[in-house]
Amino acid sequence: MTTLNNKKVIIIGDRDGIPGPAIEECVKTVDGVEVVFASTECFV
């Protein structure tokens, strides 16, 4: 994931899909990525 190197990211997960914390754990494995906001929302 070289496109995320040295970037700040905002993560919005879906309650019925992939939750925000799960996406955050995956993104944290990329060097230089800073997660500034992560949340799980319900889109109805």
PDB file of N, CA and C in Angstrom:
ATOM      1  N   MET A   1       0.828  -1.190   0.000  1.00  0.00           N
ATOM      2  CA  MET A   1       0.000   0.000   0.000  1.00  0.00           C
ATOM      3  C   MET A   1       0.870   1.250   0.000  1.00  0.00           C
ATOM      4  N   THR A   2       1.621   1.422  -1.002  1.00  0.00           N
ATOM      5  CA  THR A   2       2.516   2.562  -1.046  1.00  0.00           C
ATOM      6  C   THR A   2       1.767   3.879  -1.218  1.00  0.00           C
ATOM      7  N   THR A   3       0.512   3.836  -1.640  1.00  0.00           N
ATOM      8  CA  THR A   3      -0.248   5.076  -1.820  1.00  0.00           C
ATOM      9  C   THR A   3      -0.603   5.711  -0.483  1.00  0.00           C
ATOM     10  N   LEU A   4      -0.520   4.956   0.613  1.00  0.00           N
ATOM     11  CA  LEU A   4      -0.845   5.497   1.932  1.00  0.00           C
ATOM     12  C   LEU A   4       0.385   5.942   2.717  1.00  0.00           C
ATOM     13  N   ASN A   5       1.578   5.743   2.187  1.00  0.00           N
ATOM     14  CA  ASN A   5       2.782   6.134   2.915  1.00  0.00           C
ATOM     15  C   ASN A   5       2.771   7.618   3.237  1.00  0.00           C
ATOM     16  N   ASN A   6       3.051   7.933   4.507  1.00  0.00           N
ATOM     17  CA  ASN A   6       3.144   9.315   4.995  1.00  0.00           C
ATOM     18  C   ASN A   6       1.873  10.119   4.760  1.00  0.00           C
ATOM     19  N   LYS A   7       0.729   9.498   4.983  1.00  0.00           N
ATOM     20  CA  LYS A   7      -0.570  10.165   4.820  1.00  0.00           C
ATOM     21  C   LYS A   7      -1.337  10.152   6.134  1.00  0.00           C
ATOM     22  N   LYS A   8      -2.287  11.066   6.257  1.00  0.00           N
ATOM     23  CA  LYS A   8      -3.242  11.072   7.357  1.00  0.00           C
ATOM     24  C   LYS A   8      -4.554  10.542   6.794  1.00  0.00           C
ATOM     25  N   VAL A   9      -5.212   9.640   7.539  1.00  0.00           N
ATOM     26  CA  VAL A   9      -6.424   9.030   7.013  1.00  0.00           C
ATOM     27  C   VAL A   9      -7.590   9.180   7.980  1.00  0.00           C
ATOM     28  N   ILE A  10      -8.777   9.237   7.406  1.00  0.00           N
ATOM     29  CA  ILE A  10     -10.038   9.225   8.151  1.00  0.00           C
ATOM     30  C   ILE A  10     -10.752   7.943   7.739  1.00  0.00           C
ATOM     31  N   ILE A  11     -11.192   7.177   8.737  1.00  0.00           N
ATOM     32  CA  ILE A  11     -11.823   5.890   8.473  1.00  0.00           C
ATOM     33  C   ILE A  11     -13.261   5.934   8.970  1.00  0.00           C
ATOM     34  N   ILE A  12     -14.198   5.605   8.082  1.00  0.00           N
ATOM     35  CA  ILE A  12     -15.600   5.497   8.469  1.00  0.00           C
ATOM     36  C   ILE A  12     -16.070   4.101   8.079  1.00  0.00           C
ATOM     37  N   GLY A  13     -16.294   3.275   9.094  1.00  0.00           N
ATOM     38  CA  GLY A  13     -16.757   1.916   8.860  1.00  0.00           C
ATOM     39  C   GLY A  13     -18.270   1.851   8.876  1.00  0.00           C
ATOM     40  N   ASP A  14     -18.793   0.700   8.515  1.00  0.00           N
ATOM     41  CA  ASP A  14     -20.231   0.485   8.451  1.00  0.00           C
ATOM     42  C   ASP A  14     -20.626  -0.581   9.466  1.00  0.00           C
ATOM     43  N   ARG A  15     -21.692  -0.345  10.212  1.00  0.00           N
ATOM     44  CA  ARG A  15     -22.128  -1.281  11.246  1.00  0.00           C
ATOM     45  C   ARG A  15     -22.438  -2.655  10.682  1.00  0.00           C
ATOM     46  N   ASP A  16     -23.061  -2.719   9.519  1.00  0.00           N
ATOM     47  CA  ASP A  16     -23.431  -3.992   8.908  1.00  0.00           C
ATOM     48  C   ASP A  16     -22.356  -4.517   7.959  1.00  0.00           C
ATOM     49  N   GLY A  17     -21.287  -3.773   7.790  1.00  0.00           N
ATOM     50  CA  GLY A  17     -20.195  -4.192   6.906  1.00  0.00           C
ATOM     51  C   GLY A  17     -18.922  -4.375   7.708  1.00  0.00           C
ATOM     52  N   ILE A  18     -17.916  -3.612   7.370  1.00  0.00           N
ATOM     53  CA  ILE A  18     -16.635  -3.693   8.063  1.00  0.00           C
ATOM     54  C   ILE A  18     -16.544  -2.531   9.046  1.00  0.00           C
ATOM     55  N   PRO A  19     -16.400  -2.810  10.348  1.00  0.00           N
ATOM     56  CA  PRO A  19     -16.338  -1.744  11.347  1.00  0.00           C
ATOM     57  C   PRO A  19     -15.032  -0.945  11.257  1.00  0.00           C
ATOM     58  N   GLY A  20     -15.104   0.308  11.662  1.00  0.00           N
ATOM     59  CA  GLY A  20     -13.958   1.212  11.611  1.00  0.00           C
ATOM     60  C   GLY A  20     -12.710   0.692  12.302  1.00  0.00           C
ATOM     61  N   PRO A  21     -12.802   0.156  13.534  1.00  0.00           N
ATOM     62  CA  PRO A  21     -11.596  -0.340  14.200  1.00  0.00           C
ATOM     63  C   PRO A  21     -10.890  -1.464  13.437  1.00  0.00           C
ATOM     64  N   ALA A  22     -11.637  -2.293  12.720  1.00  0.00           N
ATOM     65  CA  ALA A  22     -11.017  -3.360  11.931  1.00  0.00           C
ATOM     66  C   ALA A  22     -10.212  -2.771  10.773  1.00  0.00           C
ATOM     67  N   ILE A  23     -10.766  -1.766  10.118  1.00  0.00           N
ATOM     68  CA  ILE A  23     -10.049  -1.093   9.032  1.00  0.00           C
ATOM     69  C   ILE A  23      -8.818  -0.392   9.591  1.00  0.00           C
ATOM     70  N   GLU A  24      -8.972   0.235  10.762  1.00  0.00           N
ATOM     71  CA  GLU A  24      -7.855   0.944  11.391  1.00  0.00           C
ATOM     72  C   GLU A  24      -6.685   0.006  11.678  1.00  0.00           C
ATOM     73  N   GLU A  25      -6.963  -1.188  12.172  1.00  0.00           N
ATOM     74  CA  GLU A  25      -5.889  -2.147  12.465  1.00  0.00           C
ATOM     75  C   GLU A  25      -5.138  -2.532  11.193  1.00  0.00           C
ATOM     76  N   CYS A  26      -5.834  -2.654  10.086  1.00  0.00           N
ATOM     77  CA  CYS A  26      -5.172  -2.980   8.818  1.00  0.00           C
ATOM     78  C   CYS A  26      -4.321  -1.827   8.316  1.00  0.00           C
ATOM     79  N   VAL A  27      -4.848  -0.616   8.414  1.00  0.00           N
ATOM     80  CA  VAL A  27      -4.145   0.561   7.918  1.00  0.00           C
ATOM     81  C   VAL A  27      -2.903   0.860   8.758  1.00  0.00           C
ATOM     82  N   LYS A  28      -2.948   0.548  10.052  1.00  0.00           N
ATOM     83  CA  LYS A  28      -1.806   0.811  10.937  1.00  0.00           C
ATOM     84  C   LYS A  28      -0.563   0.016  10.548  1.00  0.00           C
ATOM     85  N   THR A  29      -0.712  -1.027   9.745  1.00  0.00           N
ATOM     86  CA  THR A  29       0.442  -1.833   9.346  1.00  0.00           C
ATOM     87  C   THR A  29       1.304  -1.137   8.297  1.00  0.00           C
ATOM     88  N   VAL A  30       0.804  -0.041   7.714  1.00  0.00           N
ATOM     89  CA  VAL A  30       1.552   0.707   6.708  1.00  0.00           C
ATOM     90  C   VAL A  30       2.404   1.756   7.418  1.00  0.00           C
ATOM     91  N   ASP A  31       3.691   1.789   7.103  1.00  0.00           N
ATOM     92  CA  ASP A  31       4.597   2.753   7.731  1.00  0.00           C
ATOM     93  C   ASP A  31       4.228   4.182   7.363  1.00  0.00           C
ATOM     94  N   GLY A  32       4.221   5.060   8.361  1.00  0.00           N
ATOM     95  CA  GLY A  32       4.003   6.475   8.126  1.00  0.00           C
ATOM     96  C   GLY A  32       2.555   6.912   8.079  1.00  0.00           C
ATOM     97  N   VAL A  33       1.613   6.008   8.262  1.00  0.00           N
ATOM     98  CA  VAL A  33       0.194   6.366   8.221  1.00  0.00           C
ATOM     99  C   VAL A  33      -0.249   6.839   9.601  1.00  0.00           C
ATOM    100  N   GLU A  34      -0.969   7.952   9.629  1.00  0.00           N
ATOM    101  CA  GLU A  34      -1.531   8.465  10.875  1.00  0.00           C
ATOM    102  C   GLU A  34      -3.050   8.451  10.760  1.00  0.00           C
ATOM    103  N   VAL A  35      -3.714   7.694  11.623  1.00  0.00           N
ATOM    104  CA  VAL A  35      -5.172   7.650  11.644  1.00  0.00           C
ATOM    105  C   VAL A  35      -5.638   8.804  12.528  1.00  0.00           C
ATOM    106  N   VAL A  36      -6.289   9.801  11.927  1.00  0.00           N
ATOM    107  CA  VAL A  36      -6.745  10.963  12.687  1.00  0.00           C
ATOM    108  C   VAL A  36      -8.174  10.807  13.196  1.00  0.00           C
ATOM    109  N   PHE A  37      -8.954   9.922  12.562  1.00  0.00           N
ATOM    110  CA  PHE A  37     -10.320   9.678  13.004  1.00  0.00           C
ATOM    111  C   PHE A  37     -10.760   8.308  12.500  1.00  0.00           C
ATOM    112  N   ALA A  38     -11.360   7.534  13.405  1.00  0.00           N
ATOM    113  CA  ALA A  38     -11.920   6.241  13.012  1.00  0.00           C
ATOM    114  C   ALA A  38     -13.235   6.046  13.751  1.00  0.00           C
ATOM    115  N   SER A  39     -14.262   5.660  13.023  1.00  0.00           N
ATOM    116  CA  SER A  39     -15.579   5.505  13.609  1.00  0.00           C
ATOM    117  C   SER A  39     -16.367   4.438  12.846  1.00  0.00           C
ATOM    118  N   THR A  40     -17.373   3.902  13.514  1.00  0.00           N
ATOM    119  CA  THR A  40     -18.308   2.986  12.866  1.00  0.00           C
ATOM    120  C   THR A  40     -19.675   3.651  12.900  1.00  0.00           C
ATOM    121  N   GLU A  41     -20.280   3.804  11.750  1.00  0.00           N
ATOM    122  CA  GLU A  41     -21.568   4.483  11.633  1.00  0.00           C
ATOM    123  C   GLU A  41     -22.639   3.518  11.130  1.00  0.00           C
ATOM    124  N   CYS A  42     -23.884   3.894  11.327  1.00  0.00           N
ATOM    125  CA  CYS A  42     -25.014   3.128  10.834  1.00  0.00           C
ATOM    126  C   CYS A  42     -25.679   3.945   9.723  1.00  0.00           C
ATOM    127  N   PHE A  43     -25.603   3.455   8.499  1.00  0.00           N
ATOM    128  CA  PHE A  43     -26.197   4.148   7.366  1.00  0.00           C
ATOM    129  C   PHE A  43     -27.547   3.522   7.053  1.00  0.00           C
ATOM    130  N   VAL A  44     -28.610   4.206   7.424  1.00  0.00           N
ATOM    131  CA  VAL A  44     -29.951   3.685   7.200  1.00  0.00           C
ATOM    132  C   VAL A  44     -30.678   4.546   6.198  1.00  0.00           C
TER     133      VAL A  44
END
